[in-house]
């Protein structure tokens, strides 16, 4: 994509969102802000996803559509190329397991929102933004 729009957003880490490639599920308003919705790029396609309830939903997937990184006060992660999945009714972006891994995020305590970067294990504990 030639669009250079940058958006800062808080995204949920969900290891239950399994994908073959790094994916970021985004709500309609973020896709609109990026200029990829409702006028979809020519390489957009419909993909089927099984959600937590067991039902199948069809969502728009755009491969190699964006770059993602984690920004913390003291450091940033490497940039990761991602496929964007547009979920019009989603409230907040959601990271797939592959994206979590590529960003070097390690979940220490999901219930408390504690995490660290892979190279910080045993050295630092970070708290999720809420």
C-alpha atoms as a PDB file:
ATOM      1  CA  UNK A   1       0.000   0.000   0.000  1.00  0.00           C
ATOM      2  CA  UNK A   2       1.239   3.481  -0.753  1.00  0.00           C
ATOM      3  CA  UNK A   3      -0.790   5.104   2.011  1.00  0.00           C
ATOM      4  CA  UNK A   4       1.557   6.381   4.729  1.00  0.00           C
ATOM      5  CA  UNK A   5      -1.069   7.049   7.372  1.00  0.00           C
ATOM      6  CA  UNK A   6       0.100   6.356  10.924  1.00  0.00           C
ATOM      7  CA  UNK A   7      -2.333   5.485  13.687  1.00  0.00           C
ATOM      8  CA  UNK A   8      -1.473   4.963  17.341  1.00  0.00           C
ATOM      9  CA  UNK A   9      -3.875   2.501  18.955  1.00  0.00           C
ATOM     10  CA  UNK A  10      -4.088   0.132  21.888  1.00  0.00           C
ATOM     11  CA  UNK A  11      -4.562  -3.446  20.679  1.00  0.00           C
ATOM     12  CA  UNK A  12      -5.554  -6.578  22.542  1.00  0.00           C
ATOM     13  CA  UNK A  13      -3.126  -9.489  22.719  1.00  0.00           C
ATOM     14  CA  UNK A  14      -5.030 -12.726  22.145  1.00  0.00           C
ATOM     15  CA  UNK A  15      -3.079 -15.955  21.822  1.00  0.00           C
ATOM     16  CA  UNK A  16      -6.365 -17.678  20.952  1.00  0.00           C
ATOM     17  CA  UNK A  17      -6.469 -15.786  17.645  1.00  0.00           C
ATOM     18  CA  UNK A  18      -4.425 -18.253  15.606  1.00  0.00           C
ATOM     19  CA  UNK A  19      -3.107 -17.296  12.181  1.00  0.00           C
ATOM     20  CA  UNK A  20      -0.500 -18.551   9.725  1.00  0.00           C
ATOM     21  CA  UNK A  21       0.895 -15.054   9.194  1.00  0.00           C
ATOM     22  CA  UNK A  22       0.976 -11.975  11.439  1.00  0.00           C
ATOM     23  CA  UNK A  23      -2.512 -10.474  11.398  1.00  0.00           C
ATOM     24  CA  UNK A  24      -4.076  -7.442  13.003  1.00  0.00           C
ATOM     25  CA  UNK A  25      -7.857  -7.392  13.186  1.00  0.00           C
ATOM     26  CA  UNK A  26      -9.059  -3.790  13.012  1.00  0.00           C
ATOM     27  CA  UNK A  27     -12.441  -2.129  13.515  1.00  0.00           C
ATOM     28  CA  UNK A  28     -14.133  -0.149  10.757  1.00  0.00           C
ATOM     29  CA  UNK A  29     -13.018   3.261  12.060  1.00  0.00           C
ATOM     30  CA  UNK A  30      -9.337   2.304  11.886  1.00  0.00           C
ATOM     31  CA  UNK A  31      -9.705   0.819   8.396  1.00  0.00           C
ATOM     32  CA  UNK A  32     -11.431   4.042   7.317  1.00  0.00           C
ATOM     33  CA  UNK A  33      -8.673   6.179   8.863  1.00  0.00           C
ATOM     34  CA  UNK A  34      -6.090   4.105   6.968  1.00  0.00           C
ATOM     35  CA  UNK A  35      -7.959   4.766   3.719  1.00  0.00           C
ATOM     36  CA  UNK A  36      -8.624   1.088   2.960  1.00  0.00           C
ATOM     37  CA  UNK A  37     -12.347   0.974   3.761  1.00  0.00           C
ATOM     38  CA  UNK A  38     -14.961   1.101   2.316  1.00  0.00           C
ATOM     39  CA  UNK A  39     -12.984   1.393  -0.970  1.00  0.00           C
ATOM     40  CA  UNK A  40     -10.939  -1.794  -0.653  1.00  0.00           C
ATOM     41  CA  UNK A  41      -7.606  -2.336  -2.412  1.00  0.00           C
ATOM     42  CA  UNK A  42      -7.717  -4.678  -5.404  1.00  0.00           C
ATOM     43  CA  UNK A  43      -5.894  -7.466  -3.541  1.00  0.00           C
ATOM     44  CA  UNK A  44      -8.442  -7.583  -0.686  1.00  0.00           C
ATOM     45  CA  UNK A  45     -10.270 -10.880  -0.312  1.00  0.00           C
ATOM     46  CA  UNK A  46     -12.896 -12.485   1.880  1.00  0.00           C
ATOM     47  CA  UNK A  47     -11.572 -14.978   4.437  1.00  0.00           C
ATOM     48  CA  UNK A  48     -13.484 -17.211   6.817  1.00  0.00           C
ATOM     49  CA  UNK A  49     -12.735 -17.131  10.534  1.00  0.00           C
ATOM     50  CA  UNK A  50     -14.040 -19.354  13.306  1.00  0.00           C
ATOM     51  CA  UNK A  51     -14.822 -17.173  16.317  1.00  0.00           C
ATOM     52  CA  UNK A  52     -14.951 -18.119  20.008  1.00  0.00           C
ATOM     53  CA  UNK A  53     -18.624 -19.106  19.793  1.00  0.00           C
ATOM     54  CA  UNK A  54     -17.742 -21.667  17.130  1.00  0.00           C
ATOM     55  CA  UNK A  55     -19.564 -19.839  14.368  1.00  0.00           C
ATOM     56  CA  UNK A  56     -17.887 -18.900  11.092  1.00  0.00           C
ATOM     57  CA  UNK A  57     -17.704 -15.263  10.008  1.00  0.00           C
ATOM     58  CA  UNK A  58     -16.485 -13.811   6.739  1.00  0.00           C
ATOM     59  CA  UNK A  59     -14.151 -10.832   7.040  1.00  0.00           C
ATOM     60  CA  UNK A  60     -12.135  -8.780   4.586  1.00  0.00           C
ATOM     61  CA  UNK A  61      -8.417  -9.644   4.644  1.00  0.00           C
ATOM     62  CA  UNK A  62      -5.734  -7.529   2.996  1.00  0.00           C
ATOM     63  CA  UNK A  63      -2.322  -9.192   2.888  1.00  0.00           C
ATOM     64  CA  UNK A  64       0.880  -7.215   3.568  1.00  0.00           C
ATOM     65  CA  UNK A  65      -1.206  -4.127   4.119  1.00  0.00           C
ATOM     66  CA  UNK A  66       0.403  -2.438   7.106  1.00  0.00           C
ATOM     67  CA  UNK A  67       3.366  -2.215   9.428  1.00  0.00           C
ATOM     68  CA  UNK A  68       2.954  -2.584  13.195  1.00  0.00           C
ATOM     69  CA  UNK A  69       5.229  -1.955  16.166  1.00  0.00           C
ATOM     70  CA  UNK A  70       4.875  -1.733  19.929  1.00  0.00           C
ATOM     71  CA  UNK A  71       5.716   1.689  21.352  1.00  0.00           C
ATOM     72  CA  UNK A  72       6.612   1.924  25.035  1.00  0.00           C
ATOM     73  CA  UNK A  73       8.050   4.902  26.927  1.00  0.00           C
ATOM     74  CA  UNK A  74      11.536   3.379  26.991  1.00  0.00           C
ATOM     75  CA  UNK A  75      11.670   1.381  23.740  1.00  0.00           C
ATOM     76  CA  UNK A  76       9.971   0.187  20.591  1.00  0.00           C
ATOM     77  CA  UNK A  77       9.707  -3.270  19.070  1.00  0.00           C
ATOM     78  CA  UNK A  78      10.873  -4.140  15.593  1.00  0.00           C
ATOM     79  CA  UNK A  79       8.449  -3.263  12.804  1.00  0.00           C
ATOM     80  CA  UNK A  80       6.352  -6.210  11.589  1.00  0.00           C
ATOM     81  CA  UNK A  81       4.545  -6.424   8.246  1.00  0.00           C
ATOM     82  CA  UNK A  82       0.981  -7.560   8.824  1.00  0.00           C
ATOM     83  CA  UNK A  83      -2.140  -8.661   7.046  1.00  0.00           C
ATOM     84  CA  UNK A  84      -5.082  -6.511   8.104  1.00  0.00           C
ATOM     85  CA  UNK A  85      -8.430  -8.140   8.792  1.00  0.00           C
ATOM     86  CA  UNK A  86     -11.344  -5.720   8.839  1.00  0.00           C
ATOM     87  CA  UNK A  87     -14.039  -6.521  11.398  1.00  0.00           C
ATOM     88  CA  UNK A  88     -16.607  -3.727  10.996  1.00  0.00           C
ATOM     89  CA  UNK A  89     -18.250  -4.339  14.380  1.00  0.00           C
ATOM     90  CA  UNK A  90     -15.062  -4.819  16.431  1.00  0.00           C
ATOM     91  CA  UNK A  91     -14.409  -2.280  19.172  1.00  0.00           C
ATOM     92  CA  UNK A  92     -10.609  -2.496  19.389  1.00  0.00           C
ATOM     93  CA  UNK A  93      -7.733  -3.951  17.321  1.00  0.00           C
ATOM     94  CA  UNK A  94      -6.781  -7.547  18.061  1.00  0.00           C
ATOM     95  CA  UNK A  95      -3.348  -9.132  17.522  1.00  0.00           C
ATOM     96  CA  UNK A  96      -3.009 -12.700  16.272  1.00  0.00           C
ATOM     97  CA  UNK A  97      -0.664 -15.228  17.856  1.00  0.00           C
ATOM     98  CA  UNK A  98       1.845 -14.840  15.002  1.00  0.00           C
ATOM     99  CA  UNK A  99       1.867 -11.057  15.380  1.00  0.00           C
ATOM    100  CA  UNK A 100       2.358 -11.342  19.145  1.00  0.00           C
ATOM    101  CA  UNK A 101       5.319 -13.643  18.513  1.00  0.00           C
ATOM    102  CA  UNK A 102       6.897 -11.455  15.816  1.00  0.00           C
ATOM    103  CA  UNK A 103       6.610  -8.395  18.085  1.00  0.00           C
ATOM    104  CA  UNK A 104       8.452 -10.307  20.827  1.00  0.00           C
ATOM    105  CA  UNK A 105       5.598  -9.997  23.326  1.00  0.00           C
ATOM    106  CA  UNK A 106       5.492 -12.510  26.192  1.00  0.00           C
ATOM    107  CA  UNK A 107       2.339 -12.705  28.310  1.00  0.00           C
ATOM    108  CA  UNK A 108       3.318 -13.142  31.965  1.00  0.00           C
ATOM    109  CA  UNK A 109      -0.114 -12.862  33.605  1.00  0.00           C
ATOM    110  CA  UNK A 110      -3.087 -12.403  31.293  1.00  0.00           C
ATOM    111  CA  UNK A 111      -5.562 -11.639  34.075  1.00  0.00           C
ATOM    112  CA  UNK A 112      -3.407  -8.894  35.558  1.00  0.00           C
ATOM    113  CA  UNK A 113      -2.261  -7.575  32.183  1.00  0.00           C
ATOM    114  CA  UNK A 114       1.407  -8.255  32.866  1.00  0.00           C
ATOM    115  CA  UNK A 115       3.811  -8.802  29.990  1.00  0.00           C
ATOM    116  CA  UNK A 116       7.354  -8.190  28.784  1.00  0.00           C
ATOM    117  CA  UNK A 117       9.400  -8.301  25.616  1.00  0.00           C
ATOM    118  CA  UNK A 118      11.086 -11.656  24.967  1.00  0.00           C
ATOM    119  CA  UNK A 119      14.535 -10.251  25.774  1.00  0.00           C
ATOM    120  CA  UNK A 120      13.258  -8.929  29.130  1.00  0.00           C
ATOM    121  CA  UNK A 121      12.112 -12.244  30.633  1.00  0.00           C
ATOM    122  CA  UNK A 122      13.145 -12.287  34.293  1.00  0.00           C
ATOM    123  CA  UNK A 123      14.361  -8.683  34.096  1.00  0.00           C
ATOM    124  CA  UNK A 124      11.277  -6.536  33.602  1.00  0.00           C
ATOM    125  CA  UNK A 125       7.509  -6.707  33.980  1.00  0.00           C
ATOM    126  CA  UNK A 126       5.309  -4.334  32.001  1.00  0.00           C
ATOM    127  CA  UNK A 127       1.668  -3.500  32.668  1.00  0.00           C
ATOM    128  CA  UNK A 128      -0.925  -3.342  29.899  1.00  0.00           C
ATOM    129  CA  UNK A 129      -2.676  -0.091  29.154  1.00  0.00           C
ATOM    130  CA  UNK A 130      -6.352  -0.261  30.104  1.00  0.00           C
END
